[in-house]
N, C-alpha and C. Protein backbone atom coordinates (compact mmCIF):
# COMPACT_ATOMS: atom_id res chain seq x y z
N MET A 1 -15.70 2.54 10.05
CA MET A 1 -15.46 1.29 10.66
C MET A 1 -14.89 1.54 12.15
N THR A 2 -15.39 0.91 13.12
CA THR A 2 -14.89 0.87 14.36
C THR A 2 -13.48 0.38 14.69
N GLN A 3 -12.71 0.97 15.19
CA GLN A 3 -11.24 0.53 15.63
C GLN A 3 -11.41 -0.20 16.92
N LEU A 4 -10.98 -1.57 16.97
CA LEU A 4 -10.89 -2.36 18.33
C LEU A 4 -9.59 -2.14 18.90
N LEU A 5 -9.62 -1.95 20.01
CA LEU A 5 -8.28 -1.81 20.85
C LEU A 5 -8.24 -2.93 21.77
N TRP A 6 -6.96 -3.57 21.77
CA TRP A 6 -6.74 -4.77 22.50
C TRP A 6 -6.10 -4.54 23.83
N HIS A 7 -6.70 -5.02 24.97
CA HIS A 7 -5.91 -4.74 26.17
C HIS A 7 -4.81 -5.75 26.30
N PRO A 8 -3.65 -5.43 26.77
CA PRO A 8 -2.51 -6.29 26.86
C PRO A 8 -2.64 -7.67 27.17
N GLN A 9 -3.56 -7.75 28.22
CA GLN A 9 -3.91 -9.07 28.81
C GLN A 9 -4.59 -9.92 27.75
N ALA A 10 -5.51 -9.38 26.98
CA ALA A 10 -6.26 -9.99 25.98
C ALA A 10 -5.34 -10.49 24.88
N VAL A 11 -4.23 -9.77 24.51
CA VAL A 11 -3.21 -10.17 23.46
C VAL A 11 -2.51 -11.44 24.12
N THR A 12 -2.19 -11.30 25.20
CA THR A 12 -1.51 -12.53 25.85
C THR A 12 -2.37 -13.60 26.04
N ASP A 13 -3.55 -13.55 26.31
CA ASP A 13 -4.58 -14.76 26.39
C ASP A 13 -4.70 -15.21 25.07
N ARG A 14 -4.86 -14.43 23.99
CA ARG A 14 -5.00 -14.88 22.70
C ARG A 14 -3.91 -15.77 22.18
N GLN A 15 -2.60 -15.26 22.42
CA GLN A 15 -1.42 -16.02 22.12
C GLN A 15 -1.32 -17.38 22.91
N ALA A 16 -1.80 -17.39 24.11
CA ALA A 16 -1.67 -18.57 24.88
C ALA A 16 -2.67 -19.47 24.37
N ILE A 17 -3.89 -19.31 24.09
CA ILE A 17 -4.87 -20.05 23.50
C ILE A 17 -4.34 -20.71 22.14
N VAL A 18 -3.80 -19.95 21.24
CA VAL A 18 -3.21 -20.23 20.06
C VAL A 18 -2.11 -21.50 20.31
N GLN A 19 -1.17 -21.04 21.27
CA GLN A 19 -0.17 -22.10 21.74
C GLN A 19 -0.76 -23.31 22.21
N MET A 20 -1.77 -23.30 23.00
CA MET A 20 -2.42 -24.42 23.61
C MET A 20 -2.95 -25.35 22.59
N LEU A 21 -3.65 -24.60 21.53
CA LEU A 21 -4.36 -25.47 20.45
C LEU A 21 -3.26 -26.14 19.61
N ALA A 22 -2.15 -25.40 19.31
CA ALA A 22 -1.18 -25.73 18.41
C ALA A 22 -0.37 -27.01 18.97
N GLU A 23 -0.51 -27.23 20.24
CA GLU A 23 0.24 -28.44 20.94
C GLU A 23 -0.61 -29.66 20.53
N ASP A 24 -1.84 -29.47 19.91
CA ASP A 24 -2.58 -30.74 19.52
C ASP A 24 -2.67 -30.71 17.96
N SER A 25 -2.85 -29.45 17.45
CA SER A 25 -3.12 -29.31 16.08
C SER A 25 -2.67 -27.85 15.63
N VAL A 26 -1.59 -27.67 14.73
CA VAL A 26 -1.43 -26.32 14.19
C VAL A 26 -2.34 -25.90 13.26
N GLU A 27 -3.03 -26.82 12.53
CA GLU A 27 -4.08 -26.39 11.63
C GLU A 27 -5.26 -25.87 12.33
N ILE A 28 -5.78 -26.45 13.52
CA ILE A 28 -6.78 -26.04 14.32
C ILE A 28 -6.48 -24.70 14.98
N ALA A 29 -5.22 -24.54 15.35
CA ALA A 29 -4.88 -23.28 16.14
C ALA A 29 -4.96 -22.08 14.97
N ASN A 30 -4.47 -22.32 13.76
CA ASN A 30 -4.50 -21.43 12.83
C ASN A 30 -6.04 -20.99 12.46
N ARG A 31 -6.69 -22.01 12.20
CA ARG A 31 -8.29 -21.81 11.78
C ARG A 31 -8.95 -21.00 13.06
N TRP A 32 -8.64 -21.31 14.03
CA TRP A 32 -9.29 -20.60 15.24
C TRP A 32 -8.94 -19.09 15.35
N ASP A 33 -7.57 -18.92 15.14
CA ASP A 33 -7.05 -17.56 15.11
C ASP A 33 -7.58 -16.66 13.94
N LYS A 34 -7.66 -17.28 12.72
CA LYS A 34 -8.20 -16.71 11.63
C LYS A 34 -9.81 -16.43 11.76
N ASP A 35 -10.36 -17.25 12.35
CA ASP A 35 -11.92 -17.25 12.59
C ASP A 35 -12.16 -15.94 13.54
N LEU A 36 -11.32 -15.98 14.59
CA LEU A 36 -11.41 -14.88 15.67
C LEU A 36 -11.07 -13.43 14.89
N GLU A 37 -10.16 -13.52 14.08
CA GLU A 37 -9.84 -12.12 13.32
C GLU A 37 -10.89 -11.86 12.40
N ALA A 38 -11.47 -12.72 11.73
CA ALA A 38 -12.54 -12.49 10.77
C ALA A 38 -13.73 -12.01 11.52
N LYS A 39 -14.10 -12.50 12.68
CA LYS A 39 -15.21 -12.12 13.30
C LYS A 39 -14.98 -10.72 13.94
N LEU A 40 -13.84 -10.55 14.51
CA LEU A 40 -13.58 -9.17 15.00
C LEU A 40 -13.59 -8.19 13.82
N ASN A 41 -13.12 -8.47 12.69
CA ASN A 41 -13.27 -7.51 11.59
C ASN A 41 -14.64 -7.27 11.16
N GLN A 42 -15.56 -8.29 11.28
CA GLN A 42 -17.07 -8.16 10.95
C GLN A 42 -17.56 -7.29 12.10
N TYR A 43 -17.17 -7.38 13.31
CA TYR A 43 -17.80 -6.64 14.40
C TYR A 43 -17.37 -5.03 14.05
N ALA A 44 -16.17 -4.92 13.83
CA ALA A 44 -15.65 -3.51 13.57
C ALA A 44 -16.39 -2.76 12.53
N SER A 45 -16.82 -3.59 11.45
CA SER A 45 -17.45 -2.94 10.21
C SER A 45 -18.97 -2.95 10.73
N GLN A 46 -19.68 -3.79 11.28
CA GLN A 46 -20.99 -4.15 11.68
C GLN A 46 -21.36 -4.28 13.00
N PRO A 47 -21.03 -3.39 14.08
CA PRO A 47 -21.18 -4.00 15.51
C PRO A 47 -22.63 -4.31 15.71
N ALA A 48 -23.73 -3.79 15.10
CA ALA A 48 -24.95 -4.08 15.53
C ALA A 48 -25.34 -5.70 15.35
N THR A 49 -24.60 -6.41 14.59
CA THR A 49 -24.96 -7.61 14.26
C THR A 49 -24.48 -8.53 15.34
N PHE A 50 -23.88 -8.07 16.35
CA PHE A 50 -23.37 -8.80 17.45
C PHE A 50 -24.01 -8.58 18.77
N CYS A 51 -25.11 -7.57 18.64
CA CYS A 51 -25.83 -7.21 19.79
C CYS A 51 -26.91 -8.33 20.22
N PRO A 52 -26.95 -8.80 21.43
CA PRO A 52 -27.93 -9.82 21.63
C PRO A 52 -29.29 -9.34 21.56
N PRO A 53 -30.35 -10.23 21.38
CA PRO A 53 -31.73 -9.79 21.07
C PRO A 53 -32.21 -9.11 22.26
N GLY A 54 -32.03 -9.38 23.52
CA GLY A 54 -32.78 -8.68 24.67
C GLY A 54 -31.80 -7.52 25.15
N GLY A 55 -30.67 -7.05 24.35
CA GLY A 55 -29.95 -5.97 24.69
C GLY A 55 -29.01 -6.51 25.95
N GLY A 56 -28.88 -5.64 26.79
CA GLY A 56 -28.15 -5.96 27.99
C GLY A 56 -26.55 -5.53 27.95
N GLY A 57 -26.27 -4.98 26.79
CA GLY A 57 -24.80 -4.20 26.70
C GLY A 57 -23.67 -5.13 26.61
N THR A 58 -23.85 -6.50 26.41
CA THR A 58 -22.76 -7.46 26.19
C THR A 58 -22.62 -7.99 24.82
N LEU A 59 -21.57 -8.42 24.25
CA LEU A 59 -21.45 -8.77 22.91
C LEU A 59 -20.88 -10.24 23.03
N GLU A 60 -21.41 -11.05 22.18
CA GLU A 60 -20.93 -12.50 22.11
C GLU A 60 -20.22 -12.83 20.73
N LEU A 61 -19.10 -13.59 20.74
CA LEU A 61 -18.63 -14.07 19.53
C LEU A 61 -18.64 -15.63 19.77
N VAL A 62 -19.22 -16.22 18.76
CA VAL A 62 -19.12 -17.79 18.68
C VAL A 62 -18.01 -18.10 17.53
N LEU A 63 -17.06 -18.77 17.99
CA LEU A 63 -16.14 -19.27 17.08
C LEU A 63 -16.24 -20.61 16.65
N LEU A 64 -15.29 -21.19 15.74
CA LEU A 64 -15.49 -22.39 15.32
C LEU A 64 -15.23 -23.45 16.39
N PRO A 65 -16.22 -24.44 16.46
CA PRO A 65 -16.03 -25.35 17.55
C PRO A 65 -14.62 -26.02 17.26
N ILE A 66 -14.03 -26.57 18.42
CA ILE A 66 -12.71 -27.07 18.27
C ILE A 66 -12.82 -28.67 18.50
N LEU A 67 -12.53 -29.26 17.36
CA LEU A 67 -12.82 -30.76 17.21
C LEU A 67 -11.47 -31.23 17.24
N PHE A 68 -11.24 -32.31 17.97
CA PHE A 68 -9.92 -33.03 17.98
C PHE A 68 -10.15 -34.48 17.61
């Protein structure tokens, strides 16, 4: 399993996003954070599933849509 390392700014950004979402809905904030964590764990165990079809060296994670 690949170990993911978080840049300190990414940790700060994640916390800010969760706090912003929680202002409208704690449930949505928790769902978003759990979805992010689940997809990161999936990436760590199966990184090839996140490679775009054309290559290019970038990865994309699509999280739950945020519906208010």
